[in-house]
Structures are given as C-alpha cells and as structure tokens.
Amino acid sequence: MSARHESPGQYPSGSSCHGFPHKPEITCHSVALRSDGSLVSWGWDDEGQVRAPTGAEFDAVAAGHYHSVALKSDGSLVSWGDDDE
C-alpha cells in the first residue's frame, strides 16, 4: 500500500498512515542516522517531526509520536516536532 506524497517526507492532510487511521499510539514517521553522521526522516509531518536538522555531527537519533530527538557529537541534544506539552 502506498500513499500519495505532497512533497518528500510528507503525507497529505487527512490521509492514513500505511493503511491505519492516524492515532496518537501510532508513530507515522521515522528518522535514521546515516553513516556520515547526517539524519534523514520521512513520513507523517503534521507537527514538523520529519524536518530533521542538517549537518553531519550526529551520533544517535530517536523518534517519538510527534517529535524526534538527536544526540550531537558534542553531547548536546536537538529536538524537533511537537512541543505543546
């Protein structure tokens, strides 16, 4: 099953995530660490959670329901996505 993308890394508003209704318990985005230390992210972007920072200074990354977090090589953290709570 595939979804029509409005642009890379985004699903149209009101669409489902891989055939499932979009609900808080379903994480509809992914983020990955490339071997060069840069990040790539894709999927549902209704809260900005796939707008990964640029650069190649990351050591680890994790995705939450509506946010993502990355550990930089200097030990600092970067987060993006929903910050309402």
Protein backbone atom coordinates (compact mmCIF):
# COMPACT_ATOMS: atom_id res chain seq x y z
CA MET A 1 0.00 0.00 0.00
CA SER A 2 1.34 3.44 -0.80
CA ALA A 3 0.29 6.99 -0.08
CA ARG A 4 0.46 9.91 -2.49
CA HIS A 5 3.02 12.40 -1.20
CA GLU A 6 2.57 16.18 -1.43
CA SER A 7 6.35 16.53 -1.19
CA PRO A 8 9.19 14.29 0.02
CA GLY A 9 8.68 13.31 3.64
CA GLN A 10 5.04 14.41 3.87
CA TYR A 11 1.64 12.75 3.67
CA PRO A 12 -1.43 14.75 2.63
CA SER A 13 -3.64 16.02 5.46
CA GLY A 14 -6.37 13.56 6.40
CA SER A 15 -4.58 10.54 4.90
CA SER A 16 -3.92 7.35 6.78
CA CYS A 17 -0.53 6.11 7.88
CA HIS A 18 0.30 2.90 5.99
CA GLY A 19 -3.39 2.00 5.90
CA PHE A 20 -4.04 2.65 9.60
CA PRO A 21 -6.03 5.61 10.95
CA HIS A 22 -3.71 8.28 12.36
CA LYS A 23 -3.99 7.90 16.15
CA PRO A 24 -1.65 9.04 18.96
CA GLU A 25 -0.48 5.48 19.67
CA ILE A 26 0.77 5.05 16.09
CA THR A 27 4.08 6.65 15.15
CA CYS A 28 3.80 7.56 11.48
CA HIS A 29 7.26 8.92 10.93
CA SER A 30 10.76 7.52 11.02
CA VAL A 31 14.19 9.01 11.40
CA ALA A 32 17.56 7.40 10.68
CA LEU A 33 21.22 8.15 11.20
CA ARG A 34 23.36 7.88 8.08
CA SER A 35 26.90 6.51 8.23
CA ASP A 36 28.28 10.04 7.63
CA GLY A 37 26.55 11.39 10.77
CA SER A 38 23.69 13.14 8.97
CA LEU A 39 19.98 12.50 9.52
CA VAL A 40 17.17 11.50 7.20
CA SER A 41 13.49 11.47 8.15
CA TRP A 42 10.25 10.56 6.38
CA GLY A 43 6.55 10.00 7.00
CA TRP A 44 3.72 11.99 8.56
CA ASP A 45 4.78 15.62 9.10
CA ASP A 46 1.77 17.29 10.70
CA GLU A 47 3.85 18.61 13.63
CA GLY A 48 7.19 19.17 11.85
CA GLN A 49 8.59 15.86 13.12
CA VAL A 50 10.27 14.94 9.82
CA ARG A 51 12.07 18.26 9.37
CA ALA A 52 15.38 16.90 10.60
CA PRO A 53 18.25 19.32 11.19
CA THR A 54 21.02 19.45 8.63
CA GLY A 55 24.67 18.72 9.26
CA ALA A 56 26.77 15.62 9.82
CA GLU A 57 27.53 15.84 13.53
CA PHE A 58 25.03 13.34 14.99
CA ASP A 59 25.73 10.13 16.94
CA ALA A 60 22.21 8.87 17.75
CA VAL A 61 18.57 9.59 16.94
CA ALA A 62 15.13 8.56 18.21
CA ALA A 63 11.54 9.17 17.07
CA GLY A 64 8.56 9.75 19.36
CA HIS A 65 4.93 10.04 18.34
CA TYR A 66 5.08 13.68 17.23
CA HIS A 67 8.72 14.62 17.77
CA SER A 68 12.27 13.41 17.19
CA VAL A 69 15.48 13.84 19.20
CA ALA A 70 19.11 13.55 18.12
CA LEU A 71 22.35 13.40 20.10
CA LYS A 72 25.11 15.53 18.60
CA SER A 73 28.77 14.53 18.68
CA ASP A 74 29.49 17.27 21.25
CA GLY A 75 26.98 15.69 23.69
CA SER A 76 24.18 18.22 23.18
CA LEU A 77 20.62 17.30 22.19
CA VAL A 78 18.50 18.64 19.35
CA SER A 79 14.75 18.08 19.20
CA TRP A 80 12.10 18.98 16.64
CA GLY A 81 8.40 18.46 16.10
CA ASP A 82 5.54 18.98 18.54
CA ASP A 83 6.48 20.83 21.73
CA ASP A 84 2.99 21.60 23.09
CA GLU A 85 3.42 19.53 26.26
